[in-house]
């Protein structure tokens, strides 16, 4: 029995040591700003660290690249006891056409195509992938007056360029912000 306990403790310590290495960026790199206005909760966020040299190279090679953002509005202060009030998934994609030297951009919200366009401006392409202004997440009718809420944004990029085969995804980043709903 003691041998099994020692093994479990060794595995847990190993995971604790490796867990910080599994995150590629810090939560401070994903800046989240919620606002309640006109009967809706809008969320703005920016992931400045998302455009790494590896991502730029992958895009320039013509490889289709997608940043997938999951926005959750949670009620509750303890992570394990939080209740999800609303959830939205936003995918922002780009593919570079080497013949025309233009970027084909598309954005979906919960699987629905919201916008599609082309540009030859690399800065516009980077903003398309990493910056979002006032996305409507939910109506305020489901919120409790003077209730405290957390907005969490989780991002994953594909394709993944990692040989890290642990059970969690190295490309996941989390940003969060709190707000109090005042009707």
C-alpha atoms as a PDB file:
ATOM      1  CA  UNK A   1       0.000   0.000   0.000  1.00  0.00           C
ATOM      2  CA  UNK A   2       2.831   2.371   0.871  1.00  0.00           C
ATOM      3  CA  UNK A   3       4.507   1.664  -2.480  1.00  0.00           C
ATOM      4  CA  UNK A   4       1.347   2.716  -4.409  1.00  0.00           C
ATOM      5  CA  UNK A   5       1.055   5.928  -2.366  1.00  0.00           C
ATOM      6  CA  UNK A   6       4.659   6.827  -3.103  1.00  0.00           C
ATOM      7  CA  UNK A   7       4.090   6.294  -6.821  1.00  0.00           C
ATOM      8  CA  UNK A   8       0.989   8.476  -6.849  1.00  0.00           C
ATOM      9  CA  UNK A   9       2.812  11.233  -4.968  1.00  0.00           C
ATOM     10  CA  UNK A  10       5.718  11.051  -7.428  1.00  0.00           C
ATOM     11  CA  UNK A  11       3.332  11.375 -10.387  1.00  0.00           C
ATOM     12  CA  UNK A  12       1.520  14.336  -8.817  1.00  0.00           C
ATOM     13  CA  UNK A  13       4.816  16.096  -8.072  1.00  0.00           C
ATOM     14  CA  UNK A  14       5.938  15.480 -11.637  1.00  0.00           C
ATOM     15  CA  UNK A  15       2.750  17.006 -12.994  1.00  0.00           C
ATOM     16  CA  UNK A  16       3.152  20.030 -10.735  1.00  0.00           C
ATOM     17  CA  UNK A  17       6.678  20.556 -12.015  1.00  0.00           C
ATOM     18  CA  UNK A  18       5.678  20.144 -15.672  1.00  0.00           C
ATOM     19  CA  UNK A  19       2.405  22.122 -15.548  1.00  0.00           C
ATOM     20  CA  UNK A  20       4.021  25.570 -15.815  1.00  0.00           C
ATOM     21  CA  UNK A  21       5.964  24.395 -18.870  1.00  0.00           C
ATOM     22  CA  UNK A  22       2.724  23.302 -20.524  1.00  0.00           C
ATOM     23  CA  UNK A  23       1.457  26.875 -20.819  1.00  0.00           C
ATOM     24  CA  UNK A  24       2.945  28.770 -23.698  1.00  0.00           C
ATOM     25  CA  UNK A  25       1.901  32.257 -22.561  1.00  0.00           C
ATOM     26  CA  UNK A  26       0.584  33.878 -19.407  1.00  0.00           C
ATOM     27  CA  UNK A  27      -2.988  34.958 -18.756  1.00  0.00           C
ATOM     28  CA  UNK A  28      -1.830  38.584 -18.753  1.00  0.00           C
ATOM     29  CA  UNK A  29      -1.244  38.225 -22.513  1.00  0.00           C
ATOM     30  CA  UNK A  30      -4.988  37.848 -23.113  1.00  0.00           C
ATOM     31  CA  UNK A  31      -6.693  41.087 -22.056  1.00  0.00           C
ATOM     32  CA  UNK A  32     -10.467  40.813 -21.526  1.00  0.00           C
ATOM     33  CA  UNK A  33     -12.905  43.731 -21.067  1.00  0.00           C
ATOM     34  CA  UNK A  34     -16.623  43.087 -20.463  1.00  0.00           C
ATOM     35  CA  UNK A  35     -19.246  45.835 -20.632  1.00  0.00           C
ATOM     36  CA  UNK A  36     -22.993  45.780 -20.016  1.00  0.00           C
ATOM     37  CA  UNK A  37     -24.954  48.181 -22.219  1.00  0.00           C
ATOM     38  CA  UNK A  38     -28.289  48.389 -24.013  1.00  0.00           C
ATOM     39  CA  UNK A  39     -29.563  45.105 -22.577  1.00  0.00           C
ATOM     40  CA  UNK A  40     -26.521  43.053 -23.632  1.00  0.00           C
ATOM     41  CA  UNK A  41     -23.147  42.006 -22.281  1.00  0.00           C
ATOM     42  CA  UNK A  42     -20.400  42.768 -24.776  1.00  0.00           C
ATOM     43  CA  UNK A  43     -16.872  41.394 -24.481  1.00  0.00           C
ATOM     44  CA  UNK A  44     -13.762  42.891 -26.024  1.00  0.00           C
ATOM     45  CA  UNK A  45     -10.439  41.089 -25.882  1.00  0.00           C
ATOM     46  CA  UNK A  46      -7.006  41.066 -27.427  1.00  0.00           C
ATOM     47  CA  UNK A  47      -4.323  38.390 -27.504  1.00  0.00           C
ATOM     48  CA  UNK A  48      -1.203  40.340 -28.453  1.00  0.00           C
ATOM     49  CA  UNK A  49       1.106  37.369 -27.858  1.00  0.00           C
ATOM     50  CA  UNK A  50      -0.822  35.190 -30.310  1.00  0.00           C
ATOM     51  CA  UNK A  51       1.164  36.243 -33.353  1.00  0.00           C
ATOM     52  CA  UNK A  52       4.426  34.449 -32.720  1.00  0.00           C
ATOM     53  CA  UNK A  53       7.092  34.154 -35.420  1.00  0.00           C
ATOM     54  CA  UNK A  54       6.103  30.492 -35.848  1.00  0.00           C
ATOM     55  CA  UNK A  55       2.467  31.442 -36.490  1.00  0.00           C
ATOM     56  CA  UNK A  56       3.490  34.148 -38.975  1.00  0.00           C
ATOM     57  CA  UNK A  57       5.715  31.638 -40.804  1.00  0.00           C
ATOM     58  CA  UNK A  58       2.924  29.058 -40.927  1.00  0.00           C
ATOM     59  CA  UNK A  59       0.526  31.644 -42.358  1.00  0.00           C
ATOM     60  CA  UNK A  60       3.057  32.880 -44.926  1.00  0.00           C
ATOM     61  CA  UNK A  61       3.575  29.281 -46.079  1.00  0.00           C
ATOM     62  CA  UNK A  62      -0.123  29.142 -47.029  1.00  0.00           C
ATOM     63  CA  UNK A  63      -1.173  26.899 -44.156  1.00  0.00           C
ATOM     64  CA  UNK A  64      -4.746  27.616 -43.007  1.00  0.00           C
ATOM     65  CA  UNK A  65      -4.554  28.937 -39.443  1.00  0.00           C
ATOM     66  CA  UNK A  66      -7.417  29.292 -36.978  1.00  0.00           C
ATOM     67  CA  UNK A  67      -7.612  30.869 -33.531  1.00  0.00           C
ATOM     68  CA  UNK A  68     -10.575  29.465 -31.627  1.00  0.00           C
ATOM     69  CA  UNK A  69     -11.859  31.544 -28.704  1.00  0.00           C
ATOM     70  CA  UNK A  70     -14.358  30.249 -26.158  1.00  0.00           C
ATOM     71  CA  UNK A  71     -16.014  32.975 -24.098  1.00  0.00           C
ATOM     72  CA  UNK A  72     -17.760  31.879 -20.899  1.00  0.00           C
ATOM     73  CA  UNK A  73     -19.761  34.089 -18.558  1.00  0.00           C
ATOM     74  CA  UNK A  74     -19.736  32.471 -15.123  1.00  0.00           C
ATOM     75  CA  UNK A  75     -21.676  33.207 -11.941  1.00  0.00           C
ATOM     76  CA  UNK A  76     -19.858  32.322  -8.736  1.00  0.00           C
ATOM     77  CA  UNK A  77     -16.544  33.094  -7.163  1.00  0.00           C
ATOM     78  CA  UNK A  78     -15.067  29.613  -6.763  1.00  0.00           C
ATOM     79  CA  UNK A  79     -14.037  27.872  -9.986  1.00  0.00           C
ATOM     80  CA  UNK A  80     -15.454  24.459  -9.009  1.00  0.00           C
ATOM     81  CA  UNK A  81     -18.810  25.903  -7.969  1.00  0.00           C
ATOM     82  CA  UNK A  82     -19.241  28.438 -10.761  1.00  0.00           C
ATOM     83  CA  UNK A  83     -22.301  28.221 -12.964  1.00  0.00           C
ATOM     84  CA  UNK A  84     -21.961  28.946 -16.668  1.00  0.00           C
ATOM     85  CA  UNK A  85     -24.535  31.554 -17.664  1.00  0.00           C
ATOM     86  CA  UNK A  86     -23.543  31.813 -21.333  1.00  0.00           C
ATOM     87  CA  UNK A  87     -20.929  30.449 -23.685  1.00  0.00           C
ATOM     88  CA  UNK A  88     -19.907  31.600 -27.164  1.00  0.00           C
ATOM     89  CA  UNK A  89     -17.274  30.162 -29.513  1.00  0.00           C
ATOM     90  CA  UNK A  90     -15.577  32.464 -32.019  1.00  0.00           C
ATOM     91  CA  UNK A  91     -13.266  31.128 -34.734  1.00  0.00           C
ATOM     92  CA  UNK A  92     -11.062  33.532 -36.629  1.00  0.00           C
ATOM     93  CA  UNK A  93      -9.249  32.023 -39.612  1.00  0.00           C
ATOM     94  CA  UNK A  94      -6.728  33.085 -42.211  1.00  0.00           C
ATOM     95  CA  UNK A  95      -5.197  31.520 -45.290  1.00  0.00           C
ATOM     96  CA  UNK A  96      -2.525  33.219 -47.359  1.00  0.00           C
ATOM     97  CA  UNK A  97      -2.696  32.851 -51.134  1.00  0.00           C
ATOM     98  CA  UNK A  98       0.869  32.902 -52.460  1.00  0.00           C
ATOM     99  CA  UNK A  99      -0.274  33.639 -56.016  1.00  0.00           C
ATOM    100  CA  UNK A 100      -2.346  36.742 -55.280  1.00  0.00           C
ATOM    101  CA  UNK A 101      -0.314  37.683 -52.145  1.00  0.00           C
ATOM    102  CA  UNK A 102      -3.596  38.225 -50.274  1.00  0.00           C
ATOM    103  CA  UNK A 103      -4.990  36.887 -47.001  1.00  0.00           C
ATOM    104  CA  UNK A 104      -8.425  35.249 -47.020  1.00  0.00           C
ATOM    105  CA  UNK A 105     -10.030  35.999 -43.635  1.00  0.00           C
ATOM    106  CA  UNK A 106     -13.162  34.483 -42.110  1.00  0.00           C
ATOM    107  CA  UNK A 107     -14.867  34.636 -38.741  1.00  0.00           C
ATOM    108  CA  UNK A 108     -17.570  32.374 -37.328  1.00  0.00           C
ATOM    109  CA  UNK A 109     -19.563  32.750 -34.116  1.00  0.00           C
ATOM    110  CA  UNK A 110     -21.060  29.526 -32.760  1.00  0.00           C
ATOM    111  CA  UNK A 111     -20.599  27.919 -36.184  1.00  0.00           C
ATOM    112  CA  UNK A 112     -22.315  30.689 -38.185  1.00  0.00           C
ATOM    113  CA  UNK A 113     -20.242  32.621 -40.708  1.00  0.00           C
ATOM    114  CA  UNK A 114     -20.284  36.238 -39.515  1.00  0.00           C
ATOM    115  CA  UNK A 115     -17.765  37.867 -41.838  1.00  0.00           C
ATOM    116  CA  UNK A 116     -15.389  37.019 -44.659  1.00  0.00           C
ATOM    117  CA  UNK A 117     -12.979  39.295 -46.482  1.00  0.00           C
ATOM    118  CA  UNK A 118      -9.624  39.589 -48.197  1.00  0.00           C
ATOM    119  CA  UNK A 119      -6.688  41.865 -47.476  1.00  0.00           C
ATOM    120  CA  UNK A 120      -3.074  42.280 -48.459  1.00  0.00           C
ATOM    121  CA  UNK A 121      -2.255  44.123 -45.205  1.00  0.00           C
ATOM    122  CA  UNK A 122      -0.379  41.941 -42.702  1.00  0.00           C
ATOM    123  CA  UNK A 123      -1.324  44.237 -39.783  1.00  0.00           C
ATOM    124  CA  UNK A 124      -5.029  43.941 -40.623  1.00  0.00           C
ATOM    125  CA  UNK A 125      -4.662  40.164 -40.774  1.00  0.00           C
ATOM    126  CA  UNK A 126      -3.006  40.094 -37.330  1.00  0.00           C
ATOM    127  CA  UNK A 127      -5.748  42.266 -35.823  1.00  0.00           C
ATOM    128  CA  UNK A 128      -8.370  39.990 -37.411  1.00  0.00           C
ATOM    129  CA  UNK A 129      -6.923  36.976 -35.612  1.00  0.00           C
ATOM    130  CA  UNK A 130      -6.158  38.539 -32.223  1.00  0.00           C
ATOM    131  CA  UNK A 131      -8.465  41.524 -31.520  1.00  0.00           C
ATOM    132  CA  UNK A 132     -12.212  41.533 -30.962  1.00  0.00           C
ATOM    133  CA  UNK A 133     -14.336  44.577 -30.198  1.00  0.00           C
ATOM    134  CA  UNK A 134     -17.663  44.354 -28.367  1.00  0.00           C
ATOM    135  CA  UNK A 135     -18.804  40.850 -29.242  1.00  0.00           C
ATOM    136  CA  UNK A 136     -22.374  40.343 -27.988  1.00  0.00           C
ATOM    137  CA  UNK A 137     -22.302  37.385 -25.591  1.00  0.00           C
ATOM    138  CA  UNK A 138     -25.724  37.402 -23.877  1.00  0.00           C
ATOM    139  CA  UNK A 139     -28.735  39.479 -22.975  1.00  0.00           C
ATOM    140  CA  UNK A 140     -28.803  41.019 -19.513  1.00  0.00           C
ATOM    141  CA  UNK A 141     -32.291  39.629 -18.809  1.00  0.00           C
ATOM    142  CA  UNK A 142     -30.692  36.398 -17.494  1.00  0.00           C
ATOM    143  CA  UNK A 143     -28.366  38.248 -15.087  1.00  0.00           C
ATOM    144  CA  UNK A 144     -29.116  38.918 -11.426  1.00  0.00           C
ATOM    145  CA  UNK A 145     -29.090  42.557 -10.321  1.00  0.00           C
ATOM    146  CA  UNK A 146     -25.889  43.429  -8.426  1.00  0.00           C
ATOM    147  CA  UNK A 147     -24.541  39.941  -9.222  1.00  0.00           C
ATOM    148  CA  UNK A 148     -20.822  39.373  -9.707  1.00  0.00           C
ATOM    149  CA  UNK A 149     -19.794  37.553 -12.868  1.00  0.00           C
ATOM    150  CA  UNK A 150     -16.572  36.295 -14.399  1.00  0.00           C
ATOM    151  CA  UNK A 151     -15.873  36.423 -18.101  1.00  0.00           C
ATOM    152  CA  UNK A 152     -13.309  33.845 -19.168  1.00  0.00           C
ATOM    153  CA  UNK A 153     -11.803  33.657 -22.617  1.00  0.00           C
ATOM    154  CA  UNK A 154      -9.885  30.546 -23.635  1.00  0.00           C
ATOM    155  CA  UNK A 155      -7.995  30.441 -26.923  1.00  0.00           C
ATOM    156  CA  UNK A 156      -6.505  27.624 -28.946  1.00  0.00           C
ATOM    157  CA  UNK A 157      -4.642  27.968 -32.183  1.00  0.00           C
ATOM    158  CA  UNK A 158      -4.494  25.431 -34.967  1.00  0.00           C
ATOM    159  CA  UNK A 159      -2.453  24.010 -36.472  1.00  0.00           C
ATOM    160  CA  UNK A 160      -0.569  23.042 -33.357  1.00  0.00           C
ATOM    161  CA  UNK A 161       3.168  23.159 -33.779  1.00  0.00           C
ATOM    162  CA  UNK A 162       4.177  21.235 -30.685  1.00  0.00           C
ATOM    163  CA  UNK A 163       5.639  17.830 -29.981  1.00  0.00           C
ATOM    164  CA  UNK A 164       4.453  18.055 -26.364  1.00  0.00           C
ATOM    165  CA  UNK A 165       2.318  14.927 -25.801  1.00  0.00           C
ATOM    166  CA  UNK A 166       0.925  15.488 -22.319  1.00  0.00           C
ATOM    167  CA  UNK A 167      -2.845  15.312 -21.757  1.00  0.00           C
ATOM    168  CA  UNK A 168      -3.300  19.076 -21.832  1.00  0.00           C
ATOM    169  CA  UNK A 169      -2.907  21.356 -24.797  1.00  0.00           C
ATOM    170  CA  UNK A 170       0.112  23.599 -24.781  1.00  0.00           C
ATOM    171  CA  UNK A 171      -1.525  26.175 -27.044  1.00  0.00           C
ATOM    172  CA  UNK A 172      -4.354  26.977 -24.626  1.00  0.00           C
ATOM    173  CA  UNK A 173      -4.364  30.417 -23.032  1.00  0.00           C
ATOM    174  CA  UNK A 174      -6.849  31.812 -20.567  1.00  0.00           C
ATOM    175  CA  UNK A 175      -7.816  35.426 -19.872  1.00  0.00           C
ATOM    176  CA  UNK A 176     -10.432  36.597 -17.399  1.00  0.00           C
ATOM    177  CA  UNK A 177     -12.179  39.672 -16.071  1.00  0.00           C
ATOM    178  CA  UNK A 178     -14.852  40.287 -13.441  1.00  0.00           C
ATOM    179  CA  UNK A 179     -17.852  42.588 -13.583  1.00  0.00           C
ATOM    180  CA  UNK A 180     -20.864  43.414 -11.455  1.00  0.00           C
ATOM    181  CA  UNK A 181     -24.159  43.722 -13.269  1.00  0.00           C
ATOM    182  CA  UNK A 182     -25.846  46.993 -12.347  1.00  0.00           C
ATOM    183  CA  UNK A 183     -29.248  47.285 -14.101  1.00  0.00           C
END
